Amino acid sequence: MYKKMISLRFPDTIANEPIVVNLARKFDLTFNILKATIYPRKEGFMVMELSGHKKNFQKGIRYLKSMGIRVETTGQDIKRNERCYHCGACTAVCPTGALYIKRPDMEVIFDNQKCSACEMCVIACPARAMEVRFRKILE
């Protein structure tokens, strides 16, 4: 079983298409949608965990790209700039526990293996020190 966390950016022209259902039906892939913002006639954004046999996964990614969807891996690059003062606000909103406080140092630590790239930390950070960057999938 092959599994990856991916983000999808949908062009406005296909926002009403059943793209994710087709991943399950046509390619026998399992998905878990973690975040989605898709509006009719506007660009959409979705973060999901996609899993299945590696060959089917690769076919599914090719299908997404053929539909004009930008596919990227998620959570691989989270950056905390020098403005971070380790207040822990990001840890309070992190749904996966990817951000936590190391005690007794009281330092905010990031575990990229747990990150779903939900961007809640970016919103919660009072110092605006958090940035999430996505990497493109390489087939």
Protein backbone atom coordinates (compact mmCIF):
# COMPACT_ATOMS: atom_id res chain seq x y z
CA MET A 1 0.00 0.00 0.00
CA TYR A 2 1.33 3.39 -1.05
CA LYS A 3 0.21 6.54 0.81
CA LYS A 4 0.94 10.26 0.38
CA MET A 5 -0.46 13.53 1.63
CA ILE A 6 -1.17 15.76 -1.39
CA SER A 7 -2.66 19.13 -2.16
CA LEU A 8 -4.73 19.83 -5.25
CA ARG A 9 -5.34 23.20 -6.86
CA PHE A 10 -8.34 23.05 -9.16
CA PRO A 11 -8.81 25.52 -12.03
CA ASP A 12 -12.20 27.25 -12.03
CA THR A 13 -13.22 25.40 -15.22
CA ILE A 14 -13.49 22.01 -13.46
CA ALA A 15 -14.60 22.98 -9.94
CA ASN A 16 -17.94 21.20 -10.49
CA GLU A 17 -16.44 17.91 -11.75
CA PRO A 18 -16.46 14.71 -9.59
CA ILE A 19 -12.66 14.45 -9.60
CA VAL A 20 -12.16 12.75 -6.22
CA VAL A 21 -14.91 10.19 -6.83
CA ASN A 22 -13.17 9.26 -10.09
CA LEU A 23 -9.96 8.57 -8.16
CA ALA A 24 -11.84 5.97 -6.15
CA ARG A 25 -13.86 4.48 -9.02
CA LYS A 26 -11.34 4.47 -11.86
CA PHE A 27 -8.10 3.91 -9.95
CA ASP A 28 -9.21 2.05 -6.81
CA LEU A 29 -7.66 4.68 -4.55
CA THR A 30 -8.72 5.55 -1.03
CA PHE A 31 -8.82 9.16 0.10
CA ASN A 32 -9.23 11.12 3.28
CA ILE A 33 -10.03 14.79 2.68
CA LEU A 34 -8.38 16.92 5.36
CA LYS A 35 -9.16 20.37 4.00
CA ALA A 36 -11.19 21.61 1.06
CA THR A 37 -12.16 25.00 -0.30
CA ILE A 38 -13.90 24.63 -3.64
CA TYR A 39 -16.37 27.14 -4.98
CA PRO A 40 -18.23 26.99 -8.31
CA ARG A 41 -16.60 29.19 -10.97
CA LYS A 42 -13.53 29.78 -8.75
CA GLU A 43 -10.22 28.02 -8.17
CA GLY A 44 -10.38 25.28 -5.55
CA PHE A 45 -7.89 23.91 -3.05
CA MET A 46 -7.92 20.53 -1.34
CA VAL A 47 -5.56 18.65 0.99
CA MET A 48 -6.03 14.89 1.14
CA GLU A 49 -4.32 11.70 2.08
CA LEU A 50 -4.38 9.42 -0.97
CA SER A 51 -3.54 5.73 -0.80
CA GLY A 52 -3.61 2.58 -2.91
CA HIS A 53 -1.27 0.44 -4.97
CA LYS A 54 1.66 2.50 -6.24
CA LYS A 55 0.82 1.85 -9.90
CA ASN A 56 -2.78 3.02 -9.37
CA PHE A 57 -1.53 6.00 -7.37
CA GLN A 58 0.69 7.09 -10.26
CA LYS A 59 -2.17 6.63 -12.76
CA GLY A 60 -4.41 8.71 -10.49
CA ILE A 61 -1.83 11.50 -10.30
CA ARG A 62 -1.51 11.49 -14.11
CA TYR A 63 -5.32 11.69 -14.36
CA LEU A 64 -5.40 14.70 -12.01
CA LYS A 65 -2.69 16.47 -13.98
CA SER A 66 -4.47 15.74 -17.28
CA MET A 67 -7.51 17.54 -15.85
CA GLY A 68 -5.38 20.66 -15.29
CA ILE A 69 -5.07 20.17 -11.54
CA ARG A 70 -1.81 21.23 -9.91
CA VAL A 71 -0.70 18.37 -7.64
CA GLU A 72 1.84 18.88 -4.86
CA THR A 73 2.96 16.95 -1.81
CA THR A 74 2.17 18.59 1.49
CA GLY A 75 3.70 19.16 4.84
CA GLN A 76 7.23 18.57 3.71
CA ASP A 77 8.35 22.13 4.16
CA ILE A 78 7.10 24.15 7.07
CA LYS A 79 9.19 27.12 7.91
CA ARG A 80 9.32 29.11 11.09
CA ASN A 81 11.15 32.38 10.61
CA GLU A 82 13.12 34.39 13.15
CA ARG A 83 9.99 36.16 14.40
CA CYS A 84 8.95 33.00 16.29
CA TYR A 85 9.10 33.49 20.02
CA HIS A 86 7.87 29.96 20.86
CA CYS A 87 4.58 31.05 22.40
CA GLY A 88 2.94 27.73 21.54
CA ALA A 89 -0.20 29.16 19.91
CA CYS A 90 0.44 26.96 16.87
CA THR A 91 0.60 23.83 19.03
CA ALA A 92 -2.85 24.51 20.43
CA VAL A 93 -4.49 24.38 16.99
CA CYS A 94 -2.41 21.66 15.31
CA PRO A 95 -4.88 18.78 14.72
CA THR A 96 -2.22 16.14 14.08
CA GLY A 97 0.29 16.94 16.83
CA ALA A 98 2.94 17.86 14.26
CA LEU A 99 3.74 20.95 16.34
CA TYR A 100 4.44 20.45 20.02
CA ILE A 101 6.35 22.05 22.87
CA LYS A 102 9.60 20.42 23.97
CA ARG A 103 9.85 20.57 27.73
CA PRO A 104 11.59 21.84 29.82
CA ASP A 105 13.11 24.04 27.07
CA MET A 106 9.67 25.37 26.07
CA GLU A 107 10.74 25.23 22.41
CA VAL A 108 8.21 24.63 19.61
CA ILE A 109 9.18 21.53 17.62
CA PHE A 110 7.84 20.42 14.21
CA ASP A 111 7.41 16.76 13.14
CA ASN A 112 6.93 16.87 9.36
CA GLN A 113 5.80 13.21 9.26
CA LYS A 114 2.61 14.16 11.12
CA CYS A 115 1.85 17.40 9.24
CA SER A 116 -1.31 17.53 7.09
CA ALA A 117 -0.56 21.07 5.85
CA CYS A 118 -3.89 22.33 7.15
CA GLU A 119 -2.28 25.76 7.69
CA MET A 120 -4.00 26.27 11.05
CA CYS A 121 -0.60 27.13 12.54
CA VAL A 122 -0.16 29.91 9.99
CA ILE A 123 -3.48 31.44 11.00
CA ALA A 124 -2.89 31.03 14.76
CA CYS A 125 0.63 32.45 14.92
CA PRO A 126 0.50 35.95 16.47
CA ALA A 127 4.03 36.74 15.24
CA ARG A 128 3.22 35.57 11.67
CA ALA A 129 6.30 33.37 11.88
CA MET A 130 4.81 30.23 10.29
CA GLU A 131 4.89 29.43 6.56
CA VAL A 132 3.81 26.23 4.79
CA ARG A 133 5.40 25.40 1.44
CA PHE A 134 4.38 22.54 -0.81
CA ARG A 135 6.67 20.37 -2.92
CA LYS A 136 5.66 19.05 -6.31
CA ILE A 137 5.21 15.31 -6.72
CA LEU A 138 7.87 13.70 -8.85
CA GLU A 139 6.70 10.61 -10.69
